[in-house]
Amino acid sequence: MAVFTNFATLSYNGVTTNSNVVTGEILQSISATKTAVVPEYSADGDVTYVVSLVNSSTATVNGLSVTDDLGGYAFGTDTIYPLSLIDGSVRLYVNGVLQPAPTVSAGPPAVIGGISVPAGGNAIIIYEAAVTRFAPLAATDTIVNTVTVDGAGLASPVTAAETITAREDADLTVSKAVNPAVITENGQLTYTFAIENSGNADADATDNVILSDTFDPILTDLTVVYNGTVWTENVNYTYDETTGVFTTLPGQITVPAATYTQNADGEWVRSPGIATLSITGTV
């Protein structure tokens, strides 16, 4: 909507007088909405956006361009972008019919041009954006990005924004080491398990994390230590000396969420949370 004001001037016999001021408004013929198909994101993931343009006028509006700021935000003296338009992902539908590919400049910002919206009709633009290294990833972090629709047929630009939130979950991996790698019979060895959480949520007791292993050769006289604390058999874990099967009990392993720091260039760096389990036994 654009508001305008106007008045007239009347001159006669060297006298000038003004009329009253009238006010009116021009209703925008184009309205816009922007929606993320899934309103969450994660590191190295993709986000699908749908931009809908509706023409409420009785004439086709031609030559529109849609600019997506890709969530760009100021960092120091620069602007960094947590999203990046995926090449070849843009699709344009007019009144539900797929159109030839519009002109696209990946940017950032990304610009999609040459769009026409028929009278009383709609145009829908669907595209994908990749999550970049500049995206914040901690729980409750968000990316807000805005599209601006502009063109000669509009009294003023039209904008629409969408907010997506970092997906909150744990992301666990486990690695195993043995020491010593060469051992004599009846010697002792230690298996060490490093459990890393690259997610932005703690893996807590309710996640029922279970680590299991079948030792070959079978170990006897186990000593099990978790994060520096000695564990007790049948309280924290079970072990069968006839089969070599070791299993932690549900809820005993918890792993803190990753932490995040931002480098001088704006990149977010993730440091996984870690839990360590060591098992020492006799071969």
Foldseek 3Di string as FASTA:
>chain_A
DAKDKDWDWDDDPRDIDIDDIDMDDDDWQKAKAKDWPAQADAAFDKIKMKMKIFGAAQAKDWKKKKWKQQLWDDDPNDTDHQKWWDPPFKWKDKQRHTDPQFDWDRDVRIMGIGDMHGHRIMMMIMTMITGDLLQDAAFFGKGKMKMWMDDPSTPDIYMYIGMGTYDADWDKDKDKDKPPPDDDAQDKIKIKIKIWTAGNAKQALVVFDKDKDADVVAFPPKWKAKQRRTDDDPVQWHADSVGRIIMGGGGNDMWGAWDWDADSVSGIDTDITIMMMMMMGTD
